[in-house]
Amino acid sequence: MKGKMQNESSITHRRHIEEGLTVQWVRTSAQDSPERTWDVVCYSDGSRWLIDNASAEELTLLGEVSDGLKPCEILLTGNGAIVALYAGGIISFLGREEWIESIPQSDRPEAEAVLASA
């Protein structure tokens, strides 16, 4: 990946590092469009943060669903948007209904169970 990840220049990220947290993993979206790039960062305390050019927001882990042979984390933003960390990349959805509608019928019971348990 070229350039800096969004989290590296974030005030929130620097504060987390100063507090002793370490980065467990980073997933970056829109790598082909740097002006719209944002990161999802998982820290050593298990917290997950969405970090872009202007802000940082802690995400809530709703659960995991199958994405082929790999698990896919489903995260919730403070305004109710869904962030799905699929194996092939990150996809964001305006809300729970939009995310469910994007899923094949055969996979919807698993997705609905994740939402029901949240």
Protein backbone atom coordinates (compact mmCIF):
# COMPACT_ATOMS: atom_id res chain seq x y z
CA MET A 1 0.00 0.00 0.00
CA LYS A 2 1.32 3.41 -0.93
CA GLY A 3 1.34 6.40 1.39
CA LYS A 4 0.39 6.66 5.02
CA MET A 5 -2.60 4.97 6.47
CA GLN A 6 -5.20 7.34 7.87
CA ASN A 7 -4.62 6.12 11.40
CA GLU A 8 -0.97 7.18 11.37
CA SER A 9 -1.85 10.87 11.23
CA SER A 10 -4.85 10.69 13.55
CA ILE A 11 -4.71 12.49 16.89
CA THR A 12 -6.87 9.71 18.35
CA HIS A 13 -4.46 7.07 17.08
CA ARG A 14 -1.45 8.86 18.57
CA ARG A 15 -3.30 9.17 21.89
CA HIS A 16 -4.02 5.42 21.89
CA ILE A 17 -0.34 4.64 21.26
CA GLU A 18 0.75 7.06 24.01
CA GLU A 19 -1.65 5.29 26.39
CA GLY A 20 0.20 2.03 25.69
CA LEU A 21 -2.12 0.38 23.18
CA THR A 22 -0.66 -1.42 20.19
CA VAL A 23 -2.20 -2.00 16.77
CA GLN A 24 -3.35 -5.58 16.24
CA TRP A 25 -4.49 -5.06 12.64
CA VAL A 26 -5.55 -2.38 10.16
CA ARG A 27 -7.99 -2.70 7.26
CA THR A 28 -8.09 0.13 4.70
CA SER A 29 -10.95 0.91 2.34
CA ALA A 30 -11.00 2.63 -1.05
CA GLN A 31 -7.30 2.13 -1.68
CA ASP A 32 -7.82 3.24 -5.28
CA SER A 33 -9.25 6.59 -4.15
CA PRO A 34 -6.97 8.21 -1.53
CA GLU A 35 -9.27 11.17 -0.85
CA ARG A 36 -11.98 8.77 0.36
CA THR A 37 -9.73 6.33 2.17
CA TRP A 38 -10.47 5.36 5.75
CA ASP A 39 -9.08 2.73 8.10
CA VAL A 40 -10.56 0.33 10.59
CA VAL A 41 -7.97 -0.20 13.32
CA CYS A 42 -8.10 -2.89 16.01
CA TYR A 43 -6.08 -2.12 19.14
CA SER A 44 -4.67 -4.45 21.77
CA ASP A 45 -7.60 -3.73 24.10
CA GLY A 46 -9.96 -5.18 21.47
CA SER A 47 -11.44 -1.81 20.50
CA ARG A 48 -12.05 -1.11 16.84
CA TRP A 49 -11.94 2.43 15.46
CA LEU A 50 -12.94 3.95 12.13
CA ILE A 51 -10.37 6.63 11.30
CA ASP A 52 -10.48 8.98 8.33
CA ASN A 53 -8.91 12.32 7.43
CA ALA A 54 -11.04 14.35 9.81
CA SER A 55 -12.28 12.11 12.59
CA ALA A 56 -12.10 8.91 14.59
CA GLU A 57 -15.03 6.92 15.91
CA GLU A 58 -15.10 3.81 18.05
CA LEU A 59 -17.03 0.98 16.43
CA THR A 60 -19.13 -1.67 18.14
CA LEU A 61 -18.48 -5.28 17.15
CA LEU A 62 -21.88 -6.86 16.49
CA GLY A 63 -20.50 -10.28 15.61
CA GLU A 64 -19.18 -12.34 12.74
CA VAL A 65 -20.73 -13.96 9.69
CA SER A 66 -19.25 -16.38 7.18
CA ASP A 67 -17.59 -14.92 4.12
CA GLY A 68 -16.69 -18.00 2.13
CA LEU A 69 -14.25 -19.86 4.36
CA LYS A 70 -13.34 -16.85 6.49
CA PRO A 71 -15.24 -15.03 9.22
CA CYS A 72 -16.31 -11.46 8.48
CA GLU A 73 -16.64 -8.93 11.28
CA ILE A 74 -19.78 -6.82 11.33
CA LEU A 75 -19.29 -3.44 13.03
CA LEU A 76 -21.73 -0.68 13.95
CA THR A 77 -21.06 3.06 13.92
CA GLY A 78 -22.59 5.54 16.33
CA ASN A 79 -25.10 6.68 13.71
CA GLY A 80 -26.29 3.15 12.92
CA ALA A 81 -24.24 2.47 9.79
CA ILE A 82 -22.85 -1.03 9.29
CA VAL A 83 -19.21 -1.67 8.36
CA ALA A 84 -18.57 -5.19 7.07
CA LEU A 85 -14.96 -6.38 6.97
CA TYR A 86 -15.27 -8.89 4.13
CA ALA A 87 -12.25 -10.91 2.98
CA GLY A 88 -12.27 -9.00 -0.31
CA GLY A 89 -12.52 -5.58 1.30
CA ILE A 90 -14.51 -3.27 3.52
CA ILE A 91 -18.06 -2.34 2.59
CA SER A 92 -20.15 0.19 4.48
CA PHE A 93 -23.93 0.31 4.55
CA LEU A 94 -26.29 3.07 5.69
CA GLY A 95 -27.97 0.74 8.15
CA ARG A 96 -28.97 -2.77 9.16
CA GLU A 97 -31.69 -3.16 6.51
CA GLU A 98 -29.39 -2.14 3.67
CA TRP A 99 -26.77 -4.65 4.85
CA ILE A 100 -29.31 -7.49 5.11
CA GLU A 101 -30.63 -6.69 1.62
CA SER A 102 -27.09 -7.01 0.22
CA ILE A 103 -26.72 -10.58 1.47
CA PRO A 104 -27.83 -13.65 -0.50
CA GLN A 105 -31.05 -15.23 0.81
CA SER A 106 -29.18 -18.36 1.94
CA ASP A 107 -26.92 -16.30 4.25
CA ARG A 108 -29.58 -14.01 5.72
CA PRO A 109 -30.49 -16.18 8.74
CA GLU A 110 -26.88 -15.97 9.99
CA ALA A 111 -26.80 -12.21 9.43
CA GLU A 112 -30.16 -11.69 11.10
CA ALA A 113 -28.95 -13.73 14.09
CA VAL A 114 -25.95 -11.40 14.46
CA LEU A 115 -28.26 -8.37 14.46
CA ALA A 116 -30.70 -10.01 16.88
CA SER A 117 -27.95 -10.77 19.41
CA ALA A 118 -26.63 -7.19 19.35
